[in-house]
N, C-alpha and C. Protein backbone atom coordinates (compact mmCIF):
# COMPACT_ATOMS: atom_id res chain seq x y z
N UNK A 1 0.69 14.01 -17.36
CA UNK A 1 -0.37 13.43 -16.48
C UNK A 1 -0.05 14.44 -15.15
N UNK A 2 -1.42 14.75 -14.51
CA UNK A 2 -1.60 15.68 -13.36
C UNK A 2 -1.06 14.94 -11.94
N UNK A 3 -0.70 15.59 -10.93
CA UNK A 3 -0.31 14.97 -9.80
C UNK A 3 -1.49 14.33 -9.08
N UNK A 4 -1.07 13.19 -8.27
CA UNK A 4 -1.84 12.39 -7.46
C UNK A 4 -2.59 13.18 -6.44
N UNK A 5 -3.70 13.24 -6.16
CA UNK A 5 -4.58 13.78 -4.89
C UNK A 5 -4.28 12.75 -3.96
N UNK A 6 -3.74 13.03 -2.65
CA UNK A 6 -3.91 12.08 -1.64
C UNK A 6 -4.77 12.74 -0.56
N UNK A 7 -5.84 11.90 -0.36
CA UNK A 7 -6.65 12.41 1.16
C UNK A 7 -6.52 11.33 2.21
N UNK A 8 -6.14 11.60 3.32
CA UNK A 8 -5.89 10.90 4.19
C UNK A 8 -6.87 11.38 5.50
N UNK A 9 -8.12 10.35 5.50
CA UNK A 9 -9.04 10.77 6.76
C UNK A 9 -8.72 10.75 8.19
N UNK A 10 -7.81 9.44 8.39
CA UNK A 10 -7.27 9.36 9.62
C UNK A 10 -6.42 10.44 9.92
N UNK A 11 -6.20 10.88 11.39
CA UNK A 11 -5.07 11.82 11.79
C UNK A 11 -3.79 10.76 11.99
N UNK A 12 -2.67 11.18 11.48
CA UNK A 12 -1.51 9.98 11.88
C UNK A 12 -0.76 10.67 12.89
N UNK A 13 -1.11 12.02 13.45
CA UNK A 13 -0.56 12.52 14.55
C UNK A 13 0.83 12.14 14.90
N UNK A 14 1.02 11.89 16.20
CA UNK A 14 2.34 11.37 16.69
C UNK A 14 2.53 9.90 16.41
N UNK A 15 1.94 9.26 15.33
CA UNK A 15 2.05 7.80 14.96
C UNK A 15 3.06 7.53 14.03
N UNK A 16 4.48 7.22 14.46
CA UNK A 16 5.37 6.83 13.40
C UNK A 16 5.09 6.05 12.32
N UNK A 17 4.46 4.82 12.61
CA UNK A 17 3.88 3.80 11.87
C UNK A 17 2.94 4.07 11.08
N UNK A 18 1.82 4.82 11.30
CA UNK A 18 0.73 5.17 10.66
C UNK A 18 1.27 6.16 9.65
N UNK A 19 2.20 7.11 9.93
CA UNK A 19 2.61 8.00 8.78
C UNK A 19 3.61 7.39 7.96
N UNK A 20 4.41 6.20 8.46
CA UNK A 20 5.20 5.15 7.43
C UNK A 20 4.08 4.81 6.57
N UNK A 21 2.92 4.11 7.05
CA UNK A 21 2.00 3.76 6.04
C UNK A 21 1.18 4.17 4.96
N UNK A 22 0.91 5.70 5.68
CA UNK A 22 0.70 6.68 4.64
C UNK A 22 1.67 6.77 3.54
N UNK A 23 2.89 7.04 3.94
CA UNK A 23 3.99 7.18 2.83
C UNK A 23 3.80 6.04 1.98
N UNK A 24 3.76 4.76 2.31
CA UNK A 24 4.00 3.51 1.54
C UNK A 24 2.84 3.57 0.59
N UNK A 25 1.76 3.90 1.02
CA UNK A 25 0.53 3.89 0.00
C UNK A 25 0.77 5.02 -0.93
N UNK A 26 1.16 6.11 -0.62
CA UNK A 26 1.35 7.07 -1.29
C UNK A 26 2.42 6.69 -2.58
N UNK A 27 3.46 6.01 -2.26
CA UNK A 27 4.35 5.81 -3.04
C UNK A 27 3.81 4.68 -3.95
N UNK A 28 2.92 3.89 -3.56
CA UNK A 28 2.22 2.85 -4.65
C UNK A 28 1.23 3.94 -5.58
N UNK A 29 0.56 4.91 -5.08
CA UNK A 29 -0.33 5.76 -5.85
C UNK A 29 0.76 6.45 -6.87
N UNK A 30 1.65 6.75 -6.35
CA UNK A 30 2.58 7.68 -7.41
C UNK A 30 3.75 6.99 -8.17
N UNK A 31 4.05 5.64 -7.80
CA UNK A 31 4.83 4.62 -8.55
C UNK A 31 6.12 5.09 -8.21
N UNK A 32 6.58 5.25 -7.04
CA UNK A 32 8.00 5.45 -6.17
C UNK A 32 8.17 3.93 -5.80
N UNK A 33 8.69 3.24 -7.07
CA UNK A 33 8.86 1.87 -6.44
C UNK A 33 10.33 1.70 -5.60
N UNK A 34 11.08 2.81 -5.58
CA UNK A 34 12.45 2.62 -4.94
C UNK A 34 12.09 2.59 -3.40
N UNK A 35 10.98 3.60 -2.89
CA UNK A 35 10.59 3.55 -1.66
C UNK A 35 10.03 2.27 -1.45
N UNK A 36 9.13 1.67 -1.90
CA UNK A 36 8.78 0.60 -1.64
C UNK A 36 9.60 -0.75 -1.27
N UNK A 37 10.27 -0.80 -2.56
CA UNK A 37 11.14 -1.89 -2.48
C UNK A 37 12.20 -1.65 -1.15
N UNK A 38 12.74 -0.46 -0.84
CA UNK A 38 13.71 -0.26 0.10
C UNK A 38 12.98 -0.88 1.78
N UNK A 39 11.81 -0.88 1.67
CA UNK A 39 11.08 -1.16 2.89
C UNK A 39 10.56 -2.86 3.01
N UNK A 40 11.24 -3.58 2.11
CA UNK A 40 10.70 -4.91 2.02
C UNK A 40 11.64 -5.77 2.57
N UNK A 41 11.56 -6.79 3.11
CA UNK A 41 12.65 -7.79 3.84
C UNK A 41 13.02 -8.76 2.54
N UNK A 42 14.13 -9.52 2.50
CA UNK A 42 14.55 -10.09 1.48
C UNK A 42 13.74 -11.40 1.32
N UNK A 43 13.12 -11.68 2.24
CA UNK A 43 12.07 -13.19 2.25
C UNK A 43 10.60 -12.63 2.26
N UNK A 44 10.14 -11.42 1.74
CA UNK A 44 8.95 -10.72 1.55
C UNK A 44 7.95 -11.93 1.02
N UNK A 45 6.50 -11.70 1.62
CA UNK A 45 5.83 -12.63 0.77
C UNK A 45 4.63 -11.78 0.57
N UNK A 46 4.04 -11.48 -0.64
CA UNK A 46 2.91 -10.67 -0.85
C UNK A 46 1.81 -11.46 -1.61
N UNK A 47 0.68 -11.48 -0.42
CA UNK A 47 -0.63 -12.44 -1.00
C UNK A 47 -1.24 -11.50 -1.71
N UNK A 48 -1.58 -11.74 -3.02
CA UNK A 48 -2.56 -10.67 -3.71
C UNK A 48 -3.82 -11.63 -3.93
N UNK A 49 -4.57 -11.49 -2.93
CA UNK A 49 -5.76 -12.71 -2.69
C UNK A 49 -6.46 -12.38 -4.10
N UNK A 50 -6.93 -13.42 -4.70
CA UNK A 50 -7.76 -13.86 -5.98
C UNK A 50 -6.79 -13.60 -7.17
N UNK A 51 -5.28 -13.02 -6.83
CA UNK A 51 -4.57 -13.05 -8.19
C UNK A 51 -3.39 -13.89 -8.13
N UNK A 52 -2.49 -13.77 -7.16
CA UNK A 52 -1.26 -14.45 -7.35
C UNK A 52 -0.45 -14.20 -5.61
N UNK A 53 0.43 -14.77 -5.40
CA UNK A 53 1.45 -14.88 -4.36
C UNK A 53 2.87 -14.63 -5.03
N UNK A 54 3.34 -13.15 -4.44
CA UNK A 54 4.82 -13.23 -4.91
C UNK A 54 5.71 -13.45 -3.52
N UNK A 55 6.81 -14.18 -3.99
CA UNK A 55 7.89 -14.31 -2.90
C UNK A 55 9.23 -13.91 -3.10
N UNK A 56 9.85 -13.43 -2.14
CA UNK A 56 11.35 -13.08 -2.08
C UNK A 56 11.37 -11.40 -2.78
N UNK A 57 12.42 -10.92 -2.46
CA UNK A 57 12.59 -9.55 -2.97
C UNK A 57 12.87 -9.51 -4.30
N UNK A 58 13.30 -10.31 -5.13
CA UNK A 58 13.23 -10.33 -6.52
C UNK A 58 12.23 -10.16 -7.12
N UNK A 59 11.22 -11.31 -6.64
CA UNK A 59 9.86 -11.32 -7.35
C UNK A 59 9.13 -10.08 -6.90
N UNK A 60 9.42 -9.63 -5.75
CA UNK A 60 8.67 -8.31 -5.31
C UNK A 60 9.12 -7.29 -6.32
N UNK A 61 10.44 -7.03 -6.19
CA UNK A 61 10.79 -5.77 -6.90
C UNK A 61 10.47 -5.68 -8.16
N UNK A 62 10.66 -6.96 -8.93
CA UNK A 62 9.90 -7.07 -10.31
C UNK A 62 8.45 -6.24 -10.47
N UNK A 63 7.78 -6.97 -9.47
CA UNK A 63 6.16 -6.75 -9.62
C UNK A 63 6.12 -5.45 -9.25
N UNK A 64 6.68 -4.68 -8.25
CA UNK A 64 6.40 -3.41 -8.18
C UNK A 64 6.80 -2.60 -9.12
N UNK A 65 8.16 -2.86 -9.94
CA UNK A 65 8.45 -1.92 -10.87
C UNK A 65 7.52 -1.99 -11.99
N UNK A 66 7.17 -3.25 -12.35
CA UNK A 66 5.94 -3.45 -13.12
C UNK A 66 4.71 -2.60 -12.82
N UNK A 67 4.21 -2.31 -11.77
CA UNK A 67 2.99 -1.67 -11.23
C UNK A 67 3.24 -0.26 -11.06
N UNK A 68 4.61 0.24 -11.12
CA UNK A 68 5.16 1.59 -10.82
C UNK A 68 4.56 2.37 -11.97
N UNK A 69 4.18 1.94 -13.44
CA UNK A 69 3.83 2.63 -14.40
C UNK A 69 2.49 2.97 -14.21
N UNK A 70 1.62 2.62 -13.26
CA UNK A 70 0.43 2.62 -13.09
C UNK A 70 -0.19 3.98 -12.03
N UNK A 71 -0.04 5.26 -12.38
CA UNK A 71 -0.09 6.07 -11.51
C UNK A 71 -1.73 6.49 -11.29
N UNK A 72 -2.10 6.68 -9.98
CA UNK A 72 -3.29 7.08 -9.68
C UNK A 72 -3.58 8.39 -9.79
N UNK A 73 -5.08 8.49 -10.11
CA UNK A 73 -5.41 10.16 -9.99
C UNK A 73 -5.79 10.64 -8.61
N UNK A 74 -5.98 9.52 -7.74
CA UNK A 74 -6.39 10.07 -6.49
C UNK A 74 -6.50 8.65 -5.79
N UNK A 75 -5.88 8.92 -4.19
CA UNK A 75 -5.64 7.93 -3.26
C UNK A 75 -6.35 8.32 -2.03
N UNK A 76 -7.43 7.70 -1.53
CA UNK A 76 -8.13 8.01 -0.49
C UNK A 76 -8.04 6.93 0.69
N UNK A 77 -7.30 7.37 1.91
CA UNK A 77 -7.13 6.54 2.88
C UNK A 77 -8.12 6.53 3.99
N UNK A 78 -8.94 5.57 4.29
CA UNK A 78 -10.03 5.71 5.19
C UNK A 78 -9.53 5.33 6.55
N UNK A 79 -8.57 4.54 6.72
CA UNK A 79 -8.45 3.90 7.97
C UNK A 79 -6.85 3.24 8.00
N UNK A 80 -6.29 3.57 9.19
CA UNK A 80 -5.13 3.05 9.48
C UNK A 80 -4.88 2.37 10.77
N UNK A 81 -4.47 1.09 10.97
CA UNK A 81 -4.63 0.42 12.44
C UNK A 81 -3.33 -0.02 12.75
N UNK A 82 -2.51 0.55 13.85
CA UNK A 82 -1.34 -0.51 14.16
C UNK A 82 -1.22 -1.19 15.60
N UNK A 83 -0.70 -2.25 15.50
CA UNK A 83 -0.63 -3.04 17.00
C UNK A 83 0.54 -3.80 16.79
N UNK A 84 1.72 -3.50 17.43
CA UNK A 84 3.09 -4.19 17.63
C UNK A 84 3.44 -4.44 16.35
N UNK A 85 3.63 -5.62 15.49
CA UNK A 85 4.33 -5.91 14.20
C UNK A 85 3.26 -5.99 13.25
N UNK A 86 2.01 -5.94 13.75
CA UNK A 86 0.92 -5.84 12.44
C UNK A 86 0.36 -4.46 12.32
N UNK A 87 -0.43 -4.44 11.17
CA UNK A 87 -1.07 -2.90 10.79
C UNK A 87 -1.91 -3.41 9.59
N UNK A 88 -2.76 -2.42 9.47
CA UNK A 88 -3.65 -2.49 8.37
C UNK A 88 -4.04 -1.05 7.82
N UNK A 89 -4.22 -0.94 6.39
CA UNK A 89 -4.75 0.23 6.09
C UNK A 89 -5.77 0.09 4.90
N UNK A 90 -6.86 0.65 4.85
CA UNK A 90 -7.84 0.62 3.96
C UNK A 90 -8.19 1.65 3.14
N UNK A 91 -8.87 1.77 2.26
CA UNK A 91 -9.21 3.11 1.33
C UNK A 91 -9.49 2.48 0.15
N UNK A 92 -9.40 3.62 -0.94
CA UNK A 92 -9.85 3.55 -2.26
C UNK A 92 -8.80 4.18 -3.11
N UNK A 93 -8.73 3.87 -4.37
CA UNK A 93 -7.79 4.38 -5.25
C UNK A 93 -8.50 4.56 -6.79
N UNK A 94 -8.22 5.83 -7.00
CA UNK A 94 -9.05 6.13 -8.43
C UNK A 94 -7.97 6.19 -9.41
N UNK A 95 -8.26 5.52 -10.37
CA UNK A 95 -7.08 5.30 -11.48
C UNK A 95 -7.86 5.29 -12.97
N UNK A 96 -7.67 5.77 -13.90
CA UNK A 96 -8.18 5.72 -15.37
C UNK A 96 -9.68 5.53 -15.24
N UNK A 97 -10.28 6.49 -14.37
CA UNK A 97 -11.78 6.45 -14.41
C UNK A 97 -12.42 5.44 -13.49
N UNK A 98 -11.59 4.72 -13.06
CA UNK A 98 -12.35 3.25 -12.19
C UNK A 98 -11.76 3.70 -10.74
N UNK A 99 -12.43 3.22 -9.85
CA UNK A 99 -12.44 3.27 -8.30
C UNK A 99 -12.38 1.55 -7.90
N UNK A 100 -11.12 1.71 -7.30
CA UNK A 100 -10.78 0.10 -6.46
C UNK A 100 -10.90 0.69 -5.13
N UNK A 101 -11.48 -0.31 -4.42
CA UNK A 101 -11.53 -0.33 -2.97
C UNK A 101 -10.51 -1.46 -2.41
N UNK A 102 -9.69 -1.07 -1.28
CA UNK A 102 -8.73 -2.01 -0.89
C UNK A 102 -8.54 -1.99 0.55
N UNK A 103 -7.88 -3.24 0.96
CA UNK A 103 -7.42 -3.49 2.42
C UNK A 103 -6.19 -4.04 2.14
N UNK A 104 -5.13 -3.54 2.90
CA UNK A 104 -3.78 -4.34 3.25
C UNK A 104 -3.43 -4.49 4.55
N UNK A 105 -3.01 -5.56 4.98
CA UNK A 105 -2.63 -6.19 6.11
C UNK A 105 -1.06 -6.32 6.24
N UNK A 106 -0.54 -5.71 7.07
CA UNK A 106 1.09 -5.67 6.91
C UNK A 106 1.47 -6.57 7.98
N UNK A 107 2.67 -7.17 8.01
CA UNK A 107 3.48 -7.70 9.01
C UNK A 107 4.58 -7.33 9.07
N UNK A 108 5.34 -6.68 10.00
CA UNK A 108 6.75 -5.94 10.09
C UNK A 108 7.78 -7.16 10.55
N UNK A 109 9.03 -6.90 10.44
CA UNK A 109 9.76 -7.84 10.80
C UNK A 109 9.96 -7.45 12.16
N UNK A 110 9.68 -6.65 12.59
CA UNK A 110 10.05 -6.10 14.23
C UNK A 110 9.14 -4.85 14.64
N UNK A 111 8.96 -4.85 16.04
CA UNK A 111 8.34 -3.63 16.34
C UNK A 111 8.65 -2.39 16.25
N UNK A 112 10.01 -2.56 15.89
CA UNK A 112 10.95 -1.06 15.76
C UNK A 112 11.26 -1.04 14.27
N UNK A 113 11.25 -0.12 13.48
CA UNK A 113 11.57 0.14 12.12
C UNK A 113 10.34 -0.18 11.26
N UNK A 114 10.57 0.02 10.03
CA UNK A 114 9.34 -0.17 9.00
C UNK A 114 9.94 -1.15 7.83
N UNK A 115 10.40 -2.45 8.22
CA UNK A 115 10.66 -3.34 7.25
C UNK A 115 9.51 -4.24 7.19
N UNK A 116 9.00 -4.56 6.03
CA UNK A 116 7.79 -5.51 5.81
C UNK A 116 8.23 -6.85 5.57
N UNK A 117 7.63 -7.89 6.14
CA UNK A 117 8.01 -9.38 5.68
C UNK A 117 6.87 -9.84 5.35
N UNK A 118 5.77 -9.23 5.41
CA UNK A 118 4.54 -9.95 4.69
C UNK A 118 3.35 -8.92 4.54
N UNK A 119 2.78 -9.00 3.22
CA UNK A 119 1.77 -8.20 2.93
C UNK A 119 0.44 -9.14 2.60
N UNK A 120 -0.93 -8.96 2.99
CA UNK A 120 -2.06 -9.49 2.69
C UNK A 120 -2.76 -8.17 1.87
N UNK A 121 -3.14 -8.23 0.55
CA UNK A 121 -3.87 -7.35 -0.10
C UNK A 121 -4.98 -8.02 -0.90
N UNK A 122 -6.24 -6.99 -0.48
CA UNK A 122 -7.34 -7.34 -1.05
C UNK A 122 -8.11 -6.12 -1.72
N UNK A 123 -8.41 -6.36 -2.97
CA UNK A 123 -8.92 -5.09 -3.59
C UNK A 123 -10.05 -5.55 -4.61
N UNK A 124 -11.00 -4.57 -4.87
CA UNK A 124 -11.93 -5.08 -6.22
C UNK A 124 -12.17 -3.60 -6.62
N UNK A 125 -12.51 -3.73 -8.10
CA UNK A 125 -13.26 -2.48 -8.51
C UNK A 125 -14.67 -2.45 -7.80
N UNK A 126 -15.07 -1.17 -7.60
CA UNK A 126 -16.28 -0.69 -7.10
C UNK A 126 -16.84 0.46 -7.63
N UNK A 127 -18.08 0.43 -7.54
CA UNK A 127 -19.21 1.49 -8.02
C UNK A 127 -19.44 2.31 -7.21
N UNK A 128 -19.00 2.43 -5.92
CA UNK A 128 -19.37 2.90 -4.59
C UNK A 128 -19.23 4.71 -5.05
N UNK A 129 -20.05 5.55 -4.78
CA UNK A 129 -20.09 6.69 -4.91
C UNK A 129 -19.62 7.72 -3.86
N UNK A 130 -19.04 8.82 -4.02
CA UNK A 130 -18.45 9.50 -2.81
C UNK A 130 -17.18 9.58 -2.59
N UNK A 131 -16.34 8.97 -3.75
CA UNK A 131 -14.86 9.05 -3.91
C UNK A 131 -14.48 10.10 -4.74
């Protein structure tokens, strides 16, 4: 399989948390389960809206490891917004000839560091052109 193409439209510049979220989503796209898991709190909650809720680091780790076999062909990051302990990232992922648009809302354990306590994920398959 070829390498995942990563396109990040916003400039992360001198914004460490934005750069972290770019790396975190790149880890999802490339199947780097260890990177994702190491940035989750032991009591993380992941709301996969329209699908399921994952509670705690054990369930989270199992789900991430299961998903890590699905590597993307392309990840496009459209927007990264951060403020205090909250952040969001939206974009599209192309995998197996299908395009999925998504928005993830993150809650960190503190204003410092990169440990996540909650994630709200919204995604759907899209036939939008231009990706």
